[in-house]
């Protein structure tokens, strides 16, 4: 049987326990052999949001996943261009692994028809949408049957809240892995910023 790989892109600003718990859940539900986390250089739909540098976000993601043999991180988008278009990433990974699935959050599903070459993405890969039990997708421009909806654990952790807590000197030790926490402290990321 050909191994099936999940690619999970995001800004990961910072990566948190919710990302890891959700990734493990979808890995098991979809019977994936590995999940590759891909931090974006600049997200096309989040260009106006201030974030940690791509290097810092990559390093935090690497630290968060390094103790799990079924998780890895790729610097493909970090090293490639200013704006990270998923279609390019998908084509790159399809050359490495024939059987890949793109994992996206429900918030991204809602704007998927604004993604660059979204229809081509649907032709190339299975798009797995992580949804919480209370979210009910509705038919819009996109056919719901083009997506695979997976119920994911409802984890009330957000990167925005973590950044705000850091900027206000509040603890985040129960929200991120110890290695990510140490990296944030050592590199003074998000501390004392009021533009978050």
N, C-alpha and C. Protein backbone atom coordinates (compact mmCIF):
# COMPACT_ATOMS: atom_id res chain seq x y z
N UNK A 1 0.84 -1.19 0.00
CA UNK A 1 0.00 0.00 0.00
C UNK A 1 0.88 1.25 0.00
N UNK A 2 0.52 2.21 -0.84
CA UNK A 2 1.28 3.44 -0.93
C UNK A 2 1.05 4.30 0.32
N UNK A 3 2.15 4.86 0.85
CA UNK A 3 1.96 5.67 2.04
C UNK A 3 1.23 6.96 1.69
N UNK A 4 0.39 7.40 2.62
CA UNK A 4 -0.43 8.59 2.42
C UNK A 4 0.08 9.67 3.38
N UNK A 5 0.41 10.83 2.81
CA UNK A 5 1.01 11.92 3.58
C UNK A 5 0.01 13.06 3.68
N UNK A 6 -0.09 13.66 4.86
CA UNK A 6 -0.89 14.86 5.03
C UNK A 6 0.01 16.07 5.06
N UNK A 7 -0.35 17.10 4.30
CA UNK A 7 0.40 18.35 4.40
C UNK A 7 -0.49 19.39 5.07
N UNK A 8 0.07 20.02 6.08
CA UNK A 8 -0.68 20.91 6.97
C UNK A 8 0.04 22.25 6.99
N UNK A 9 -0.47 23.18 6.20
CA UNK A 9 0.15 24.50 6.12
C UNK A 9 -0.50 25.47 7.09
N UNK A 10 0.23 26.52 7.38
CA UNK A 10 -0.31 27.56 8.25
C UNK A 10 0.76 28.58 8.59
N UNK A 11 0.34 29.65 9.23
CA UNK A 11 1.34 30.63 9.66
C UNK A 11 2.06 30.11 10.90
N UNK A 12 1.38 29.34 11.73
CA UNK A 12 1.98 28.78 12.96
C UNK A 12 2.71 29.89 13.72
N UNK A 13 1.94 30.87 14.14
CA UNK A 13 2.47 32.11 14.71
C UNK A 13 1.94 32.38 16.11
N UNK A 14 2.30 31.55 17.10
CA UNK A 14 3.15 30.36 17.04
C UNK A 14 2.32 29.08 16.90
N UNK A 15 3.02 28.00 16.62
CA UNK A 15 2.40 26.68 16.66
C UNK A 15 2.04 26.38 18.11
N UNK A 16 0.89 25.75 18.33
CA UNK A 16 0.46 25.48 19.71
C UNK A 16 -0.07 24.05 19.84
N UNK A 17 -0.43 23.69 21.06
CA UNK A 17 -0.87 22.32 21.33
C UNK A 17 -2.13 21.96 20.54
N UNK A 18 -2.98 22.93 20.27
CA UNK A 18 -4.17 22.68 19.47
C UNK A 18 -3.82 22.18 18.08
N UNK A 19 -2.77 22.76 17.46
CA UNK A 19 -2.32 22.29 16.15
C UNK A 19 -1.88 20.82 16.23
N UNK A 20 -1.13 20.49 17.28
CA UNK A 20 -0.58 19.13 17.40
C UNK A 20 -1.68 18.11 17.68
N UNK A 21 -2.60 18.46 18.57
CA UNK A 21 -3.70 17.54 18.91
C UNK A 21 -4.57 17.30 17.68
N UNK A 22 -4.87 18.36 16.96
CA UNK A 22 -5.69 18.25 15.75
C UNK A 22 -4.98 17.42 14.69
N UNK A 23 -3.68 17.65 14.52
CA UNK A 23 -2.90 16.90 13.52
C UNK A 23 -2.90 15.41 13.86
N UNK A 24 -2.71 15.07 15.12
CA UNK A 24 -2.72 13.66 15.51
C UNK A 24 -4.08 13.04 15.24
N UNK A 25 -5.14 13.77 15.54
CA UNK A 25 -6.49 13.27 15.33
C UNK A 25 -6.75 13.00 13.84
N UNK A 26 -6.42 13.95 12.96
CA UNK A 26 -6.67 13.76 11.53
C UNK A 26 -5.77 12.67 10.96
N UNK A 27 -4.57 12.54 11.50
CA UNK A 27 -3.66 11.48 11.05
C UNK A 27 -4.31 10.12 11.28
N UNK A 28 -4.89 9.95 12.46
CA UNK A 28 -5.52 8.67 12.80
C UNK A 28 -6.80 8.44 11.99
N UNK A 29 -7.63 9.47 11.88
CA UNK A 29 -8.90 9.32 11.16
C UNK A 29 -8.68 9.02 9.68
N UNK A 30 -7.70 9.70 9.07
CA UNK A 30 -7.44 9.55 7.63
C UNK A 30 -6.40 8.47 7.33
N UNK A 31 -5.90 7.82 8.37
CA UNK A 31 -4.90 6.76 8.20
C UNK A 31 -3.67 7.25 7.42
N UNK A 32 -3.14 8.38 7.85
CA UNK A 32 -1.96 8.96 7.22
C UNK A 32 -0.71 8.39 7.86
N UNK A 33 0.34 8.21 7.09
CA UNK A 33 1.58 7.70 7.68
C UNK A 33 2.40 8.84 8.28
N UNK A 34 2.19 10.05 7.79
CA UNK A 34 2.97 11.18 8.29
C UNK A 34 2.22 12.47 8.02
N UNK A 35 2.45 13.45 8.87
CA UNK A 35 1.96 14.81 8.61
C UNK A 35 3.16 15.73 8.54
N UNK A 36 3.19 16.51 7.47
CA UNK A 36 4.26 17.49 7.28
C UNK A 36 3.68 18.88 7.53
N UNK A 37 4.20 19.55 8.54
CA UNK A 37 3.80 20.93 8.84
C UNK A 37 4.59 21.86 7.94
N UNK A 38 3.90 22.81 7.31
CA UNK A 38 4.56 23.70 6.35
C UNK A 38 4.25 25.15 6.73
N UNK A 39 5.14 25.79 7.49
CA UNK A 39 4.92 27.21 7.82
C UNK A 39 4.97 28.06 6.55
N UNK A 40 4.00 28.96 6.42
CA UNK A 40 3.95 29.85 5.26
C UNK A 40 4.95 30.98 5.42
N UNK A 41 5.49 31.42 4.30
CA UNK A 41 6.32 32.63 4.34
C UNK A 41 5.39 33.80 4.62
N UNK A 42 4.50 34.09 3.68
CA UNK A 42 3.44 35.07 3.87
C UNK A 42 2.17 34.47 3.29
N UNK A 43 1.14 34.40 4.11
CA UNK A 43 -0.13 33.86 3.63
C UNK A 43 -0.81 34.89 2.74
N UNK A 44 -1.30 34.48 1.56
CA UNK A 44 -1.96 35.43 0.66
C UNK A 44 -3.16 36.12 1.31
N UNK A 45 -3.84 35.42 2.22
CA UNK A 45 -5.04 35.99 2.83
C UNK A 45 -4.76 36.63 4.19
N UNK A 46 -3.48 36.67 4.59
CA UNK A 46 -3.14 37.27 5.89
C UNK A 46 -1.98 38.26 5.75
N UNK A 47 -1.87 38.92 4.61
CA UNK A 47 -0.73 39.80 4.37
C UNK A 47 -0.70 41.01 5.30
N UNK A 48 -1.85 41.41 5.82
CA UNK A 48 -1.91 42.60 6.66
C UNK A 48 -1.67 42.30 8.14
N UNK A 49 -1.46 41.04 8.47
CA UNK A 49 -1.28 40.67 9.88
C UNK A 49 0.20 40.62 10.21
N UNK A 50 0.58 41.31 11.28
CA UNK A 50 1.97 41.28 11.74
C UNK A 50 2.23 39.91 12.35
N UNK A 51 3.38 39.35 12.04
CA UNK A 51 3.70 38.05 12.60
C UNK A 51 5.19 37.95 12.88
N UNK A 52 5.55 36.90 13.60
CA UNK A 52 6.97 36.63 13.83
C UNK A 52 7.61 36.35 12.48
N UNK A 53 8.90 36.49 12.41
CA UNK A 53 9.60 36.27 11.14
C UNK A 53 9.41 34.83 10.68
N UNK A 54 9.49 34.60 9.37
CA UNK A 54 9.39 33.23 8.87
C UNK A 54 10.40 32.29 9.54
N UNK A 55 11.62 32.78 9.77
CA UNK A 55 12.65 31.95 10.41
C UNK A 55 12.20 31.53 11.81
N UNK A 56 11.70 32.47 12.61
CA UNK A 56 11.24 32.13 13.96
C UNK A 56 10.07 31.15 13.92
N UNK A 57 9.12 31.36 13.01
CA UNK A 57 7.96 30.47 12.93
C UNK A 57 8.38 29.06 12.50
N UNK A 58 9.34 28.98 11.59
CA UNK A 58 9.86 27.67 11.18
C UNK A 58 10.54 26.98 12.36
N UNK A 59 11.40 27.70 13.07
CA UNK A 59 12.13 27.11 14.20
C UNK A 59 11.17 26.64 15.29
N UNK A 60 10.14 27.44 15.59
CA UNK A 60 9.17 27.03 16.61
C UNK A 60 8.43 25.77 16.17
N UNK A 61 8.06 25.70 14.89
CA UNK A 61 7.35 24.52 14.37
C UNK A 61 8.25 23.29 14.44
N UNK A 62 9.51 23.48 14.06
CA UNK A 62 10.47 22.37 14.12
C UNK A 62 10.61 21.85 15.55
N UNK A 63 10.72 22.76 16.51
CA UNK A 63 10.85 22.36 17.92
C UNK A 63 9.58 21.64 18.40
N UNK A 64 8.43 22.10 17.96
CA UNK A 64 7.16 21.52 18.42
C UNK A 64 6.98 20.09 17.95
N UNK A 65 7.50 19.75 16.76
CA UNK A 65 7.22 18.43 16.19
C UNK A 65 8.38 17.45 16.28
N UNK A 66 9.55 17.91 16.71
CA UNK A 66 10.75 17.06 16.60
C UNK A 66 10.71 15.79 17.46
N UNK A 67 9.87 15.75 18.48
CA UNK A 67 9.80 14.55 19.32
C UNK A 67 8.78 13.52 18.83
N UNK A 68 8.14 13.79 17.69
CA UNK A 68 7.11 12.90 17.16
C UNK A 68 7.58 12.34 15.82
N UNK A 69 7.72 11.02 15.73
CA UNK A 69 8.26 10.44 14.50
C UNK A 69 7.27 10.45 13.34
N UNK A 70 6.00 10.74 13.60
CA UNK A 70 5.02 10.81 12.52
C UNK A 70 4.72 12.25 12.10
N UNK A 71 5.42 13.21 12.69
CA UNK A 71 5.32 14.62 12.31
C UNK A 71 6.67 15.09 11.82
N UNK A 72 6.65 15.97 10.82
CA UNK A 72 7.89 16.61 10.38
C UNK A 72 7.54 18.03 9.93
N UNK A 73 8.56 18.80 9.62
CA UNK A 73 8.36 20.18 9.19
C UNK A 73 9.14 20.40 7.91
N UNK A 74 8.58 21.21 7.03
CA UNK A 74 9.25 21.55 5.77
C UNK A 74 9.46 23.05 5.69
N UNK A 75 10.62 23.43 5.16
CA UNK A 75 10.90 24.86 4.96
C UNK A 75 10.63 25.27 3.51
N UNK A 76 9.88 24.45 2.78
CA UNK A 76 9.64 24.72 1.36
C UNK A 76 9.07 26.13 1.14
N UNK A 77 8.00 26.49 1.85
CA UNK A 77 7.38 27.80 1.62
C UNK A 77 8.24 28.92 2.20
N UNK A 78 8.87 28.67 3.33
CA UNK A 78 9.73 29.69 3.95
C UNK A 78 10.85 30.09 2.99
N UNK A 79 11.40 29.12 2.27
CA UNK A 79 12.55 29.38 1.39
C UNK A 79 12.17 29.80 -0.02
N UNK A 80 10.89 29.77 -0.37
CA UNK A 80 10.56 29.94 -1.77
C UNK A 80 10.14 31.31 -2.24
N UNK A 81 9.17 31.91 -1.64
CA UNK A 81 8.71 33.19 -2.16
C UNK A 81 8.09 33.99 -1.04
N UNK A 82 7.78 35.23 -1.35
CA UNK A 82 7.13 36.06 -0.34
C UNK A 82 5.75 35.53 0.01
N UNK A 83 4.95 35.28 -1.01
CA UNK A 83 3.59 34.81 -0.79
C UNK A 83 3.53 33.31 -1.06
N UNK A 84 2.94 32.58 -0.12
CA UNK A 84 2.88 31.12 -0.21
C UNK A 84 1.56 30.69 -0.83
N UNK A 85 1.61 30.28 -2.08
CA UNK A 85 0.41 29.76 -2.74
C UNK A 85 0.39 28.24 -2.61
N UNK A 86 -0.71 27.72 -2.10
CA UNK A 86 -0.82 26.28 -1.84
C UNK A 86 -0.65 25.44 -3.09
N UNK A 87 -1.08 25.94 -4.23
CA UNK A 87 -0.97 25.17 -5.47
C UNK A 87 0.48 24.80 -5.76
N UNK A 88 1.40 25.74 -5.54
CA UNK A 88 2.83 25.47 -5.78
C UNK A 88 3.36 24.43 -4.80
N UNK A 89 2.95 24.57 -3.55
CA UNK A 89 3.38 23.62 -2.52
C UNK A 89 2.86 22.22 -2.82
N UNK A 90 1.61 22.13 -3.23
CA UNK A 90 1.02 20.84 -3.56
C UNK A 90 1.77 20.17 -4.70
N UNK A 91 2.06 20.93 -5.75
CA UNK A 91 2.78 20.35 -6.89
C UNK A 91 4.17 19.86 -6.47
N UNK A 92 4.83 20.63 -5.62
CA UNK A 92 6.15 20.23 -5.12
C UNK A 92 6.05 18.90 -4.37
N UNK A 93 5.12 18.80 -3.44
CA UNK A 93 5.00 17.59 -2.62
C UNK A 93 4.43 16.41 -3.41
N UNK A 94 3.63 16.66 -4.44
CA UNK A 94 3.14 15.56 -5.29
C UNK A 94 4.30 14.91 -6.04
N UNK A 95 5.36 15.66 -6.31
CA UNK A 95 6.54 15.07 -6.94
C UNK A 95 7.32 14.19 -5.98
N UNK A 96 7.24 14.50 -4.69
CA UNK A 96 7.96 13.71 -3.69
C UNK A 96 7.15 12.50 -3.22
N UNK A 97 5.86 12.71 -3.01
CA UNK A 97 4.95 11.67 -2.52
C UNK A 97 3.74 11.67 -3.44
N UNK A 98 3.43 10.55 -4.01
CA UNK A 98 2.31 10.51 -4.96
C UNK A 98 0.95 10.70 -4.27
N UNK A 99 0.84 10.22 -3.05
CA UNK A 99 -0.46 10.22 -2.37
C UNK A 99 -0.44 11.21 -1.20
N UNK A 100 -0.90 12.43 -1.47
CA UNK A 100 -0.92 13.43 -0.40
C UNK A 100 -2.33 13.98 -0.22
N UNK A 101 -2.58 14.45 0.99
CA UNK A 101 -3.84 15.12 1.29
C UNK A 101 -3.52 16.47 1.91
N UNK A 102 -4.26 17.49 1.50
CA UNK A 102 -4.09 18.83 2.04
C UNK A 102 -5.05 18.98 3.21
N UNK A 103 -4.51 19.36 4.36
CA UNK A 103 -5.31 19.53 5.57
C UNK A 103 -5.52 21.02 5.79
N UNK A 104 -6.79 21.42 5.89
CA UNK A 104 -7.08 22.83 6.15
C UNK A 104 -8.11 22.94 7.28
N UNK A 105 -8.10 24.07 7.95
CA UNK A 105 -9.08 24.34 8.98
C UNK A 105 -10.39 24.81 8.37
N UNK A 106 -11.43 24.77 9.16
CA UNK A 106 -12.75 25.18 8.68
C UNK A 106 -12.76 26.64 8.25
N UNK A 107 -11.99 27.48 8.95
CA UNK A 107 -11.92 28.90 8.58
C UNK A 107 -11.37 29.06 7.17
N UNK A 108 -10.41 28.21 6.79
CA UNK A 108 -9.88 28.26 5.43
C UNK A 108 -10.86 27.69 4.41
N UNK A 109 -11.63 26.70 4.81
CA UNK A 109 -12.65 26.17 3.91
C UNK A 109 -13.64 27.26 3.51
N UNK A 110 -14.01 28.11 4.47
CA UNK A 110 -15.00 29.16 4.20
C UNK A 110 -14.53 30.16 3.15
N UNK A 111 -13.21 30.30 2.99
CA UNK A 111 -12.67 31.23 1.98
C UNK A 111 -11.90 30.48 0.89
N UNK A 112 -12.08 29.19 0.80
CA UNK A 112 -11.30 28.38 -0.15
C UNK A 112 -11.49 28.85 -1.59
N UNK A 113 -12.67 29.34 -1.92
CA UNK A 113 -12.90 29.80 -3.29
C UNK A 113 -12.18 31.11 -3.60
N UNK A 114 -11.49 31.68 -2.62
CA UNK A 114 -10.65 32.86 -2.84
C UNK A 114 -9.17 32.46 -3.00
N UNK A 115 -8.86 31.19 -2.78
CA UNK A 115 -7.49 30.71 -2.92
C UNK A 115 -7.08 30.74 -4.39
N UNK A 116 -5.83 30.98 -4.61
CA UNK A 116 -5.26 30.99 -5.95
C UNK A 116 -5.35 29.58 -6.55
N UNK A 117 -6.00 29.46 -7.70
CA UNK A 117 -6.17 28.19 -8.43
C UNK A 117 -6.84 27.10 -7.57
N UNK A 118 -7.86 27.49 -6.82
CA UNK A 118 -8.52 26.54 -5.91
C UNK A 118 -9.12 25.35 -6.64
N UNK A 119 -9.64 25.57 -7.84
CA UNK A 119 -10.24 24.44 -8.57
C UNK A 119 -9.19 23.42 -8.99
N UNK A 120 -8.00 23.90 -9.32
CA UNK A 120 -6.91 22.98 -9.68
C UNK A 120 -6.45 22.20 -8.45
N UNK A 121 -6.44 22.85 -7.29
CA UNK A 121 -6.08 22.16 -6.05
C UNK A 121 -7.01 20.96 -5.84
N UNK A 122 -8.31 21.18 -6.05
CA UNK A 122 -9.29 20.10 -5.85
C UNK A 122 -9.08 18.95 -6.83
N UNK A 123 -8.53 19.24 -8.00
CA UNK A 123 -8.24 18.19 -8.98
C UNK A 123 -7.00 17.38 -8.60
N UNK A 124 -6.06 18.03 -7.91
CA UNK A 124 -4.77 17.40 -7.61
C UNK A 124 -4.77 16.54 -6.35
N UNK A 125 -5.50 16.99 -5.32
CA UNK A 125 -5.42 16.31 -4.01
C UNK A 125 -6.78 16.24 -3.33
N UNK A 126 -6.87 15.33 -2.37
CA UNK A 126 -7.99 15.36 -1.44
C UNK A 126 -7.77 16.53 -0.50
N UNK A 127 -8.81 17.32 -0.29
CA UNK A 127 -8.73 18.42 0.66
C UNK A 127 -9.53 18.00 1.89
N UNK A 128 -8.82 17.85 3.00
CA UNK A 128 -9.42 17.41 4.26
C UNK A 128 -9.69 18.65 5.09
N UNK A 129 -10.95 18.87 5.43
CA UNK A 129 -11.36 20.04 6.20
C UNK A 129 -11.60 19.62 7.64
N UNK A 130 -10.90 20.26 8.55
CA UNK A 130 -11.09 20.00 9.97
C UNK A 130 -12.26 20.84 10.45
N UNK A 131 -13.28 20.17 10.92
CA UNK A 131 -14.42 20.94 11.42
C UNK A 131 -14.79 20.47 12.81
N UNK A 132 -15.35 21.40 13.55
CA UNK A 132 -15.84 21.06 14.88
C UNK A 132 -17.28 20.59 14.74
N UNK A 133 -17.74 19.83 15.71
CA UNK A 133 -19.04 19.17 15.58
C UNK A 133 -20.18 20.15 15.35
N UNK A 134 -20.03 21.41 15.78
CA UNK A 134 -21.13 22.37 15.64
C UNK A 134 -21.08 23.13 14.32
N UNK A 135 -20.07 22.89 13.49
CA UNK A 135 -19.96 23.59 12.22
C UNK A 135 -20.61 22.77 11.12
N UNK A 136 -21.55 23.38 10.42
CA UNK A 136 -22.27 22.69 9.35
C UNK A 136 -22.00 23.38 8.03
N UNK A 137 -21.19 22.76 7.17
CA UNK A 137 -20.87 23.39 5.89
C UNK A 137 -22.11 23.54 5.01
N UNK A 138 -22.15 24.67 4.30
CA UNK A 138 -23.26 24.92 3.38
C UNK A 138 -22.72 24.99 1.96
N UNK A 139 -23.57 24.60 1.04
CA UNK A 139 -23.21 24.65 -0.38
C UNK A 139 -23.07 26.11 -0.80
N UNK A 140 -21.94 26.43 -1.42
CA UNK A 140 -21.73 27.76 -1.99
C UNK A 140 -21.27 27.56 -3.42
N UNK A 141 -20.21 28.29 -3.79
CA UNK A 141 -19.60 28.11 -5.11
C UNK A 141 -19.02 26.71 -5.26
N UNK A 142 -18.58 26.16 -4.13
CA UNK A 142 -17.87 24.88 -4.16
C UNK A 142 -18.83 23.74 -3.83
N UNK A 143 -18.62 22.60 -4.46
CA UNK A 143 -19.43 21.42 -4.14
C UNK A 143 -18.87 20.79 -2.87
N UNK A 144 -19.73 20.55 -1.91
CA UNK A 144 -19.28 19.96 -0.64
C UNK A 144 -18.67 18.58 -0.86
N UNK A 145 -19.12 17.88 -1.90
CA UNK A 145 -18.60 16.54 -2.16
C UNK A 145 -17.14 16.57 -2.64
N UNK A 146 -16.62 17.76 -2.97
CA UNK A 146 -15.22 17.87 -3.36
C UNK A 146 -14.28 17.86 -2.16
N UNK A 147 -14.84 17.91 -0.96
CA UNK A 147 -14.04 17.99 0.26
C UNK A 147 -14.31 16.78 1.15
N UNK A 148 -13.35 16.48 2.00
CA UNK A 148 -13.53 15.44 3.01
C UNK A 148 -13.58 16.16 4.36
N UNK A 149 -14.73 16.09 5.02
CA UNK A 149 -14.89 16.76 6.31
C UNK A 149 -14.58 15.78 7.42
N UNK A 150 -13.73 16.21 8.33
CA UNK A 150 -13.31 15.37 9.46
C UNK A 150 -13.62 16.13 10.74
N UNK A 151 -14.35 15.49 11.63
CA UNK A 151 -14.61 16.11 12.93
C UNK A 151 -13.31 16.13 13.72
N UNK A 152 -12.93 17.30 14.16
CA UNK A 152 -11.69 17.41 14.92
C UNK A 152 -12.01 17.85 16.34
N UNK A 153 -11.09 17.57 17.26
CA UNK A 153 -11.33 17.98 18.64
C UNK A 153 -11.50 19.49 18.72
N UNK A 154 -12.40 19.94 19.58
CA UNK A 154 -12.58 21.37 19.77
C UNK A 154 -11.57 21.84 20.81
N UNK A 155 -10.51 22.47 20.32
CA UNK A 155 -9.43 22.95 21.19
C UNK A 155 -9.49 24.47 21.17
N UNK A 156 -9.82 25.06 22.28
CA UNK A 156 -9.96 26.52 22.33
C UNK A 156 -8.63 27.19 22.61
N UNK A 157 -7.70 27.02 21.69
CA UNK A 157 -6.40 27.69 21.77
C UNK A 157 -6.22 28.42 20.45
N UNK A 158 -5.79 29.67 20.52
CA UNK A 158 -5.52 30.38 19.27
C UNK A 158 -4.17 31.07 19.35
N UNK A 159 -3.52 31.14 18.20
CA UNK A 159 -2.22 31.81 18.13
C UNK A 159 -2.35 33.28 18.50
N UNK A 160 -3.47 33.90 18.12
CA UNK A 160 -3.70 35.31 18.45
C UNK A 160 -3.72 35.51 19.96
N UNK A 161 -4.43 34.64 20.67
CA UNK A 161 -4.49 34.74 22.14
C UNK A 161 -3.10 34.55 22.73
N UNK A 162 -2.34 33.61 22.20
CA UNK A 162 -0.98 33.37 22.70
C UNK A 162 -0.11 34.60 22.51
N UNK A 163 -0.18 35.22 21.34
CA UNK A 163 0.61 36.44 21.09
C UNK A 163 0.21 37.55 22.06
N UNK A 164 -1.08 37.71 22.27
CA UNK A 164 -1.56 38.76 23.20
C UNK A 164 -1.11 38.47 24.62
N UNK A 165 -1.18 37.21 25.03
CA UNK A 165 -0.73 36.86 26.38
C UNK A 165 0.76 37.15 26.53
N UNK A 166 1.54 36.83 25.51
CA UNK A 166 2.98 37.13 25.56
C UNK A 166 3.22 38.63 25.68
N UNK A 167 2.50 39.41 24.87
CA UNK A 167 2.73 40.86 24.88
C UNK A 167 2.32 41.48 26.21
N UNK A 168 1.43 40.80 26.94
CA UNK A 168 1.00 41.29 28.27
C UNK A 168 1.70 40.56 29.41
N UNK A 169 2.76 39.82 29.09
CA UNK A 169 3.53 39.07 30.10
C UNK A 169 2.69 38.07 30.89
N UNK A 170 1.74 37.43 30.24
CA UNK A 170 0.93 36.40 30.89
C UNK A 170 1.46 35.02 30.49
N UNK A 171 1.31 34.02 31.34
CA UNK A 171 1.87 32.69 31.04
C UNK A 171 1.17 32.01 29.86
N UNK A 172 1.97 31.27 29.10
CA UNK A 172 1.45 30.48 27.97
C UNK A 172 1.90 29.02 28.08
N UNK A 173 2.39 28.63 29.24
CA UNK A 173 2.99 27.30 29.41
C UNK A 173 2.02 26.15 29.18
N UNK A 174 0.72 26.38 29.29
CA UNK A 174 -0.24 25.30 29.05
C UNK A 174 -0.79 25.33 27.62
N UNK A 175 -0.25 26.23 26.79
CA UNK A 175 -0.75 26.42 25.43
C UNK A 175 0.22 25.96 24.35
N UNK A 176 1.51 25.95 24.67
CA UNK A 176 2.55 25.56 23.71
C UNK A 176 3.45 24.51 24.36
N UNK A 177 4.25 23.83 23.55
CA UNK A 177 5.18 22.85 24.11
C UNK A 177 6.28 23.58 24.89
N UNK A 178 6.92 22.91 25.84
CA UNK A 178 8.01 23.55 26.60
C UNK A 178 9.12 24.09 25.70
N UNK A 179 9.46 23.37 24.63
CA UNK A 179 10.53 23.84 23.74
C UNK A 179 10.13 25.13 23.02
N UNK A 180 8.87 25.22 22.60
CA UNK A 180 8.40 26.44 21.94
C UNK A 180 8.37 27.59 22.94
N UNK A 181 7.92 27.31 24.15
CA UNK A 181 7.90 28.34 25.20
C UNK A 181 9.30 28.89 25.43
N UNK A 182 10.29 28.01 25.57
CA UNK A 182 11.67 28.45 25.78
C UNK A 182 12.18 29.27 24.60
N UNK A 183 11.84 28.85 23.39
CA UNK A 183 12.28 29.58 22.19
C UNK A 183 11.69 30.99 22.18
N UNK A 184 10.40 31.10 22.49
CA UNK A 184 9.74 32.42 22.52
C UNK A 184 10.42 33.32 23.55
N UNK A 185 10.71 32.77 24.73
CA UNK A 185 11.36 33.57 25.79
C UNK A 185 12.78 33.95 25.40
N UNK A 186 13.55 32.98 24.91
CA UNK A 186 14.95 33.25 24.57
C UNK A 186 15.09 34.28 23.45
N UNK A 187 14.13 34.29 22.53
CA UNK A 187 14.21 35.19 21.38
C UNK A 187 13.31 36.42 21.52
N UNK A 188 12.68 36.54 22.69
CA UNK A 188 11.85 37.70 23.00
C UNK A 188 10.79 37.97 21.91
N UNK A 189 10.17 36.89 21.44
CA UNK A 189 9.16 37.01 20.39
C UNK A 189 7.83 37.41 21.03
N UNK A 190 7.15 38.35 20.45
CA UNK A 190 5.83 38.84 20.86
C UNK A 190 5.84 39.66 22.14
N UNK A 191 6.93 39.73 22.86
CA UNK A 191 6.94 40.39 24.16
C UNK A 191 6.79 41.91 24.01
N UNK A 192 5.87 42.47 24.79
CA UNK A 192 5.72 43.91 24.86
C UNK A 192 5.24 44.58 23.58
N UNK A 193 4.72 43.81 22.64
CA UNK A 193 4.23 44.43 21.39
C UNK A 193 2.78 44.83 21.54
N UNK A 194 2.44 46.00 21.03
CA UNK A 194 1.04 46.41 21.09
C UNK A 194 0.38 46.40 19.71
N UNK A 195 1.06 45.83 18.72
CA UNK A 195 0.51 45.77 17.36
C UNK A 195 -0.02 44.37 17.03
N UNK A 196 -0.17 43.55 18.06
CA UNK A 196 -0.59 42.16 17.85
C UNK A 196 -2.11 42.07 17.78
